[in-house]
Amino acid sequence: MNTRIVAVGLCAYLAVPIVMLVRSMTTTDSTIELLNVSYDPTRELYRKINRAFSDEYRETTGLAVRIRQSHGGSGSQARAVIDGLPADVLTLAMWADIDAVRKKGLVADDWEGRLPDRSLPYTSTIVFVVRKGNPFRIRDWPDLMQSDLKIITANPKTGGGAKLSLLAAWGSVVRSGGTTEDAEAFIARMYRQTPVLDSGARGSTITFARRMIGDVHLTWENEALLEARELPDELEVVYPKSSIRAEPHVAMVDAVTNAKGTGAVAEAYLRFLYSEKGQEIIAENFFRPSHPDVAKKYADRFGKIDDLFTIRDLFAGGWDEAQKVFFADGAMFDRIYSR
């Protein structure tokens, strides 16, 4: 491996704490502070969003805003907020994690309809990262069943991307004519070939790209493209024929913003994600923007997936049903992994 790239690139990009728990206050020396509680692979995105929003908000209102970030596995982050982490906004990996916070009375019941596109400013998907030259010739999900292949993914009990990876694999079987029994067998074998389950997506990136464990990494599209950009001589990205449409929703935590008086700023921050400037930053960081003109402009950044299905294409009950079937205590993942 090119040690210079590791020292200069990955140390700056990958060698960061998996979870950064930070305090949030209403003001510090007349500066309004917000806490954005997000999931693992959005660190770079929100550093840029935060700077751009703070500059624009100061120019238009004369007020200074500082946005602090907290990152980790999406499910773990939701639980942290439920347990008292004072988030002003949530930018988590999936609908179910925000709705879990809503069920505890911290987020308004109508949160999904308060912002455009069902509070979904960008989307993503799950793809593969392989070693340079793709020695196992991985092109699609069935290629993961090679007996000597080692798969890296995170723990779906704690990481949003890991849940999506499991569901993408499941969907690849049932949507190509396989039975639910076939899909469960595929998932069981996939995890038998997984030597490490990190708590979140960034931990899995470090395991695969820095520690050089595994032959294929199942991860977010943006994380995969960043890995390949950081280590172009070591890694490459493969787009499977089918995968799941990842929908990282955003929301205000009303219980916190009402108590702090930060609701107007928090809403302006989330609406900035839909602005042309915000959408450009989103696309430049390898997330798929919701604005059609920006999406068209950056279309060549993203690979083609023939069958990009949603959670409701798999389950009529959406995330509530998927959580019950796969990820609740004693559900399918626990049964598979215990075996």
Protein backbone atom coordinates (compact mmCIF):
# COMPACT_ATOMS: atom_id res chain seq x y z
CA MET A 1 0.00 0.00 0.00
CA ASN A 2 1.08 3.55 -0.66
CA THR A 3 2.06 4.64 2.85
CA ARG A 4 2.15 8.31 1.88
CA ILE A 5 -1.51 8.21 0.90
CA VAL A 6 -2.42 6.45 4.12
CA ALA A 7 -0.45 8.96 6.20
CA VAL A 8 -1.71 12.06 4.44
CA GLY A 9 -5.14 11.07 3.12
CA LEU A 10 -6.74 8.41 5.25
CA CYS A 11 -5.38 9.71 8.53
CA ALA A 12 -7.21 12.95 7.85
CA TYR A 13 -10.29 11.29 6.38
CA LEU A 14 -10.71 7.97 8.18
CA ALA A 15 -8.86 8.15 11.47
CA VAL A 16 -11.56 10.00 13.36
CA PRO A 17 -13.58 8.94 16.40
CA ILE A 18 -16.56 6.74 15.56
CA VAL A 19 -18.80 8.79 17.86
CA MET A 20 -18.32 12.43 18.80
CA LEU A 21 -20.68 13.41 21.58
CA VAL A 22 -20.70 17.15 21.98
CA ARG A 23 -22.61 19.66 24.05
CA SER A 24 -25.12 22.11 22.60
CA MET A 25 -25.99 25.48 24.07
CA THR A 26 -28.35 28.23 22.98
CA THR A 27 -25.70 30.92 22.71
CA THR A 28 -22.01 31.33 23.37
CA ASP A 29 -20.74 34.91 23.27
CA SER A 30 -23.80 35.88 21.17
CA THR A 31 -23.26 32.94 18.82
CA ILE A 32 -26.26 30.67 18.33
CA GLU A 33 -25.30 27.01 18.62
CA LEU A 34 -27.04 24.04 17.04
CA LEU A 35 -26.24 20.37 17.44
CA ASN A 36 -26.69 18.20 14.35
CA VAL A 37 -26.87 14.52 15.30
CA SER A 38 -26.09 12.52 12.19
CA TYR A 39 -24.87 9.13 11.05
CA ASP A 40 -21.35 7.94 10.26
CA PRO A 41 -20.56 8.88 6.62
CA THR A 42 -21.84 12.47 6.68
CA ARG A 43 -18.92 14.07 8.54
CA GLU A 44 -17.34 15.63 5.47
CA LEU A 45 -20.69 16.67 3.99
CA TYR A 46 -21.87 18.56 7.06
CA ARG A 47 -18.55 20.26 7.71
CA LYS A 48 -19.03 21.95 4.34
CA ILE A 49 -22.77 22.51 4.78
CA ASN A 50 -22.19 24.05 8.21
CA ARG A 51 -19.63 26.56 6.94
CA ALA A 52 -21.76 27.56 3.96
CA PHE A 53 -24.93 27.94 6.02
CA SER A 54 -23.20 29.92 8.79
CA ASP A 55 -21.74 32.33 6.24
CA GLU A 56 -25.06 32.82 4.47
CA TYR A 57 -27.05 33.19 7.70
CA ARG A 58 -24.66 35.84 9.00
CA GLU A 59 -24.90 37.74 5.71
CA THR A 60 -28.71 37.71 5.64
CA THR A 61 -29.50 38.14 9.35
CA GLY A 62 -26.34 39.50 10.97
CA LEU A 63 -26.43 36.61 13.45
CA ALA A 64 -23.59 34.18 14.06
CA VAL A 65 -24.38 30.46 14.09
CA ARG A 66 -22.12 27.57 15.04
CA ILE A 67 -23.24 24.04 14.20
CA ARG A 68 -21.70 21.20 16.14
CA GLN A 69 -21.73 17.65 14.84
CA SER A 70 -22.24 14.22 16.41
CA HIS A 71 -21.68 11.08 14.35
CA GLY A 72 -22.06 7.35 14.87
CA GLY A 73 -24.19 4.42 13.85
CA SER A 74 -27.64 5.78 13.01
CA GLY A 75 -29.53 3.53 15.41
CA SER A 76 -27.09 4.31 18.21
CA GLN A 77 -27.44 8.03 17.51
CA ALA A 78 -31.23 7.84 17.73
CA ARG A 79 -30.96 6.07 21.08
CA ALA A 80 -28.50 8.70 22.31
CA VAL A 81 -31.01 11.47 21.53
CA ILE A 82 -33.78 9.52 23.24
CA ASP A 83 -31.48 9.17 26.26
CA GLY A 84 -30.82 12.91 26.42
CA LEU A 85 -28.28 14.02 23.80
CA PRO A 86 -29.63 17.55 23.09
CA ALA A 87 -29.90 17.49 19.29
CA ASP A 88 -31.49 20.48 17.59
CA VAL A 89 -31.70 18.59 14.30
CA LEU A 90 -31.50 14.98 13.20
CA THR A 91 -29.94 14.00 9.87
CA LEU A 92 -30.02 10.23 10.37
CA ALA A 93 -29.65 7.38 7.94
CA MET A 94 -33.25 6.31 7.72
CA TRP A 95 -36.86 7.14 8.44
CA ALA A 96 -37.16 4.54 11.19
CA ASP A 97 -34.47 6.14 13.35
CA ILE A 98 -36.09 9.57 13.29
CA ASP A 99 -39.49 8.04 13.89
CA ALA A 100 -38.13 6.21 16.94
CA VAL A 101 -37.29 9.64 18.40
CA ARG A 102 -40.78 10.85 17.46
CA LYS A 103 -42.35 7.96 19.34
CA LYS A 104 -40.66 9.23 22.49
CA GLY A 105 -42.35 12.63 22.06
CA LEU A 106 -39.21 14.58 21.09
CA VAL A 107 -40.09 15.19 17.42
CA ALA A 108 -43.46 16.46 16.14
CA ASP A 109 -45.86 13.87 14.75
CA ASP A 110 -46.03 15.70 11.40
CA TRP A 111 -42.23 15.92 10.99
CA GLU A 112 -42.13 14.18 7.61
CA GLY A 113 -44.42 16.74 5.96
CA ARG A 114 -42.74 19.87 7.30
CA LEU A 115 -40.01 20.02 4.65
CA PRO A 116 -40.00 19.37 0.89
CA ASP A 117 -39.83 15.86 -0.57
CA ARG A 118 -40.99 14.24 2.67
CA SER A 119 -38.04 15.81 4.53
CA LEU A 120 -35.65 14.02 2.18
CA PRO A 121 -33.07 16.47 0.73
CA TYR A 122 -30.89 13.72 -0.80
CA THR A 123 -30.76 9.96 -1.32
CA SER A 124 -28.08 7.31 -1.63
CA THR A 125 -27.73 3.55 -2.11
CA ILE A 126 -25.55 0.57 -1.21
CA VAL A 127 -22.65 -0.48 -3.45
CA PHE A 128 -19.48 -2.61 -3.27
CA VAL A 129 -15.86 -1.60 -2.78
CA VAL A 130 -13.28 -4.17 -3.91
CA ARG A 131 -9.52 -4.42 -4.05
CA LYS A 132 -7.88 -2.98 -7.18
CA GLY A 133 -8.33 -5.24 -10.18
CA ASN A 134 -11.38 -6.88 -8.57
CA PRO A 135 -9.59 -10.22 -8.00
CA PHE A 136 -12.82 -12.07 -7.14
CA ARG A 137 -14.57 -10.63 -10.23
CA ILE A 138 -17.50 -9.34 -8.19
CA ARG A 139 -20.25 -7.85 -10.33
CA ASP A 140 -23.47 -8.55 -8.45
CA TRP A 141 -24.87 -9.98 -5.21
CA PRO A 142 -24.58 -13.70 -6.14
CA ASP A 143 -20.82 -13.21 -6.53
CA LEU A 144 -20.60 -12.67 -2.76
CA MET A 145 -21.27 -16.37 -2.19
CA GLN A 146 -17.74 -17.45 -3.17
CA SER A 147 -16.59 -19.67 -0.33
CA ASP A 148 -13.24 -17.98 0.30
CA LEU A 149 -14.57 -14.42 0.02
CA LYS A 150 -14.54 -12.22 3.15
CA ILE A 151 -17.25 -9.52 3.41
CA ILE A 152 -17.02 -6.34 5.45
CA THR A 153 -20.16 -4.59 6.66
CA ALA A 154 -21.33 -3.01 9.90
CA ASN A 155 -23.71 -4.29 12.56
CA PRO A 156 -27.33 -3.81 11.42
CA LYS A 157 -28.44 -3.53 15.04
CA THR A 158 -26.57 -0.22 15.34
CA GLY A 159 -25.77 1.08 11.83
CA GLY A 160 -28.24 2.41 9.27
CA GLY A 161 -26.07 1.56 6.27
CA ALA A 162 -25.72 -1.98 7.61
CA LYS A 163 -29.50 -2.36 7.77
CA LEU A 164 -29.69 -1.16 4.20
CA SER A 165 -26.96 -3.57 3.11
CA LEU A 166 -28.88 -6.49 4.59
CA LEU A 167 -32.11 -5.37 2.94
CA ALA A 168 -30.38 -4.75 -0.38
CA ALA A 169 -29.05 -8.30 -0.30
CA TRP A 170 -32.47 -9.65 0.67
CA GLY A 171 -34.16 -7.68 -2.10
CA SER A 172 -31.66 -8.89 -4.68
CA VAL A 173 -32.89 -12.44 -4.05
CA VAL A 174 -36.64 -11.97 -3.78
CA ARG A 175 -36.86 -9.48 -6.65
CA SER A 176 -35.06 -11.90 -8.97
CA GLY A 177 -37.55 -14.71 -8.28
CA GLY A 178 -36.12 -16.25 -5.12
CA THR A 179 -38.25 -17.25 -2.14
CA THR A 180 -38.00 -15.78 1.34
CA GLU A 181 -36.27 -19.01 2.37
CA ASP A 182 -33.70 -18.46 -0.40
CA ALA A 183 -33.18 -14.89 0.79
CA GLU A 184 -32.71 -15.92 4.42
CA ALA A 185 -30.18 -18.57 3.38
CA PHE A 186 -28.32 -15.94 1.34
CA ILE A 187 -28.23 -13.53 4.29
CA ALA A 188 -27.10 -16.26 6.69
CA ARG A 189 -24.20 -17.22 4.44
CA MET A 190 -23.27 -13.57 3.90
CA TYR A 191 -22.82 -13.03 7.63
CA ARG A 192 -20.92 -16.31 8.03
CA GLN A 193 -18.39 -14.75 5.65
CA THR A 194 -18.20 -11.50 7.65
CA PRO A 195 -15.22 -11.58 10.05
CA VAL A 196 -15.87 -8.16 11.67
CA LEU A 197 -19.07 -6.28 12.51
CA ASP A 198 -18.22 -2.66 13.33
CA SER A 199 -20.82 -0.46 15.02
CA GLY A 200 -21.14 1.94 12.07
CA ALA A 201 -20.23 2.61 8.46
CA ARG A 202 -17.06 4.62 9.14
CA GLY A 203 -15.72 1.86 11.38
CA SER A 204 -16.21 -0.62 8.53
CA THR A 205 -14.40 1.74 6.17
CA ILE A 206 -11.41 1.81 8.51
CA THR A 207 -11.50 -2.00 8.83
CA PHE A 208 -11.53 -2.48 5.05
CA ALA A 209 -9.42 0.41 3.76
CA ARG A 210 -6.90 0.94 6.58
CA ARG A 211 -6.69 -2.42 8.30
CA MET A 212 -6.90 -4.25 4.96
CA ILE A 213 -9.38 -6.84 6.23
CA GLY A 214 -11.84 -8.39 3.78
CA ASP A 215 -12.27 -8.68 0.03
CA VAL A 216 -15.43 -6.64 -0.51
CA HIS A 217 -16.99 -3.81 1.48
CA LEU A 218 -20.77 -3.28 1.45
CA THR A 219 -21.32 0.40 2.12
CA TRP A 220 -22.98 3.68 1.27
CA GLU A 221 -22.34 4.97 -2.24
CA ASN A 222 -20.78 8.20 -0.96
CA GLU A 223 -18.50 6.31 1.43
CA ALA A 224 -17.43 3.96 -1.37
CA LEU A 225 -16.62 6.82 -3.75
CA LEU A 226 -14.61 8.60 -1.05
CA GLU A 227 -12.65 5.41 -0.32
CA ALA A 228 -11.80 4.96 -3.99
CA ARG A 229 -10.84 8.63 -4.32
CA GLU A 230 -8.53 8.42 -1.30
CA LEU A 231 -6.89 5.16 -2.44
CA PRO A 232 -7.21 5.06 -6.23
CA ASP A 233 -4.34 2.59 -6.57
CA GLU A 234 -5.83 0.21 -4.01
CA LEU A 235 -9.62 0.23 -4.31
CA GLU A 236 -12.42 0.47 -6.86
CA VAL A 237 -16.21 0.71 -6.73
CA VAL A 238 -18.60 -1.86 -8.19
CA TYR A 239 -22.30 -1.12 -8.77
CA PRO A 240 -24.52 -4.21 -8.44
CA LYS A 241 -27.46 -4.68 -10.79
CA SER A 242 -29.91 -4.07 -7.97
CA SER A 243 -29.79 -2.24 -4.67
CA ILE A 244 -31.97 -0.36 -2.22
CA ARG A 245 -32.75 3.35 -2.40
CA ALA A 246 -31.41 4.83 0.81
CA GLU A 247 -33.50 7.68 2.19
CA PRO A 248 -31.71 9.69 4.93
CA HIS A 249 -34.48 11.94 6.25
CA VAL A 250 -33.95 15.08 8.33
CA ALA A 251 -35.99 16.63 11.14
CA MET A 252 -36.00 19.17 13.96
CA VAL A 253 -36.05 17.89 17.53
CA ASP A 254 -38.91 20.06 18.75
CA ALA A 255 -38.49 19.26 22.42
CA VAL A 256 -34.96 20.69 22.29
CA THR A 257 -35.51 23.65 19.95
CA ASN A 258 -38.60 24.76 21.86
CA ALA A 259 -36.68 24.69 25.13
CA LYS A 260 -33.69 26.55 23.68
CA GLY A 261 -35.53 28.92 21.37
CA THR A 262 -33.53 27.71 18.35
CA GLY A 263 -36.46 26.54 16.22
CA ALA A 264 -36.23 29.29 13.57
CA VAL A 265 -32.49 28.78 13.07
CA ALA A 266 -32.82 25.00 13.04
CA GLU A 267 -35.53 25.17 10.39
CA ALA A 268 -33.46 27.59 8.29
CA TYR A 269 -30.51 25.17 8.56
CA LEU A 270 -32.54 22.23 7.30
CA ARG A 271 -34.12 24.30 4.52
CA PHE A 272 -30.62 25.34 3.41
CA LEU A 273 -30.11 21.71 2.38
CA TYR A 274 -32.74 22.25 -0.35
CA SER A 275 -31.19 25.47 -1.66
CA GLU A 276 -29.18 25.40 -4.86
CA LYS A 277 -25.97 25.96 -2.89
CA GLY A 278 -26.84 23.21 -0.42
CA GLN A 279 -27.74 20.80 -3.22
CA GLU A 280 -24.44 21.51 -4.98
CA ILE A 281 -22.51 20.69 -1.80
CA ILE A 282 -24.55 17.50 -1.39
CA ALA A 283 -23.75 16.37 -4.94
CA GLU A 284 -20.06 17.29 -4.62
CA ASN A 285 -19.89 14.99 -1.60
CA PHE A 286 -21.36 12.04 -3.54
CA PHE A 287 -24.91 12.11 -2.16
CA ARG A 288 -27.71 12.11 -4.74
CA PRO A 289 -29.41 15.55 -4.66
CA SER A 290 -33.19 15.87 -4.75
CA HIS A 291 -33.25 18.98 -6.99
CA PRO A 292 -33.70 17.72 -10.58
CA ASP A 293 -31.44 20.33 -12.20
CA VAL A 294 -28.59 19.67 -9.78
CA ALA A 295 -29.13 15.92 -10.11
CA LYS A 296 -28.84 16.22 -13.90
CA LYS A 297 -25.70 18.36 -13.64
CA TYR A 298 -23.94 15.77 -11.45
CA ALA A 299 -25.42 12.61 -12.99
CA ASP A 300 -22.06 11.33 -14.20
CA ARG A 301 -20.79 11.13 -10.59
CA PHE A 302 -23.05 8.19 -9.87
CA GLY A 303 -23.08 4.70 -11.35
CA LYS A 304 -26.10 2.98 -12.82
CA ILE A 305 -28.25 0.51 -10.89
CA ASP A 306 -30.87 -1.24 -13.01
CA ASP A 307 -33.25 -2.01 -10.15
CA LEU A 308 -33.15 0.66 -7.43
CA PHE A 309 -35.95 -0.47 -5.14
CA THR A 310 -37.40 1.11 -2.00
CA ILE A 311 -38.26 -0.34 1.39
CA ARG A 312 -41.95 -0.32 0.41
CA ASP A 313 -41.14 -2.40 -2.67
CA LEU A 314 -40.07 -5.09 -0.18
CA PHE A 315 -42.61 -4.57 2.60
CA ALA A 316 -46.03 -2.95 2.43
CA GLY A 317 -45.57 -1.88 6.05
CA GLY A 318 -42.33 -0.07 5.24
CA TRP A 319 -39.72 0.40 7.96
CA ASP A 320 -42.03 -0.60 10.80
CA GLU A 321 -42.49 -4.02 9.22
CA ALA A 322 -38.81 -4.38 8.29
CA GLN A 323 -37.73 -3.49 11.82
CA LYS A 324 -40.07 -6.10 13.28
CA VAL A 325 -39.06 -8.84 10.83
CA PHE A 326 -35.29 -8.27 10.75
CA PHE A 327 -33.88 -6.05 13.47
CA ALA A 328 -35.99 -6.29 16.64
CA ASP A 329 -34.58 -8.34 19.50
CA GLY A 330 -34.99 -12.01 18.64
CA ALA A 331 -35.91 -11.23 14.99
CA MET A 332 -34.28 -12.64 11.87
CA PHE A 333 -30.83 -11.04 12.21
CA ASP A 334 -30.47 -12.25 15.80
CA ARG A 335 -31.52 -15.76 14.77
CA ILE A 336 -29.13 -15.83 11.83
CA TYR A 337 -26.18 -14.36 13.69
CA SER A 338 -26.59 -16.59 16.73
CA ARG A 339 -26.26 -19.59 14.42
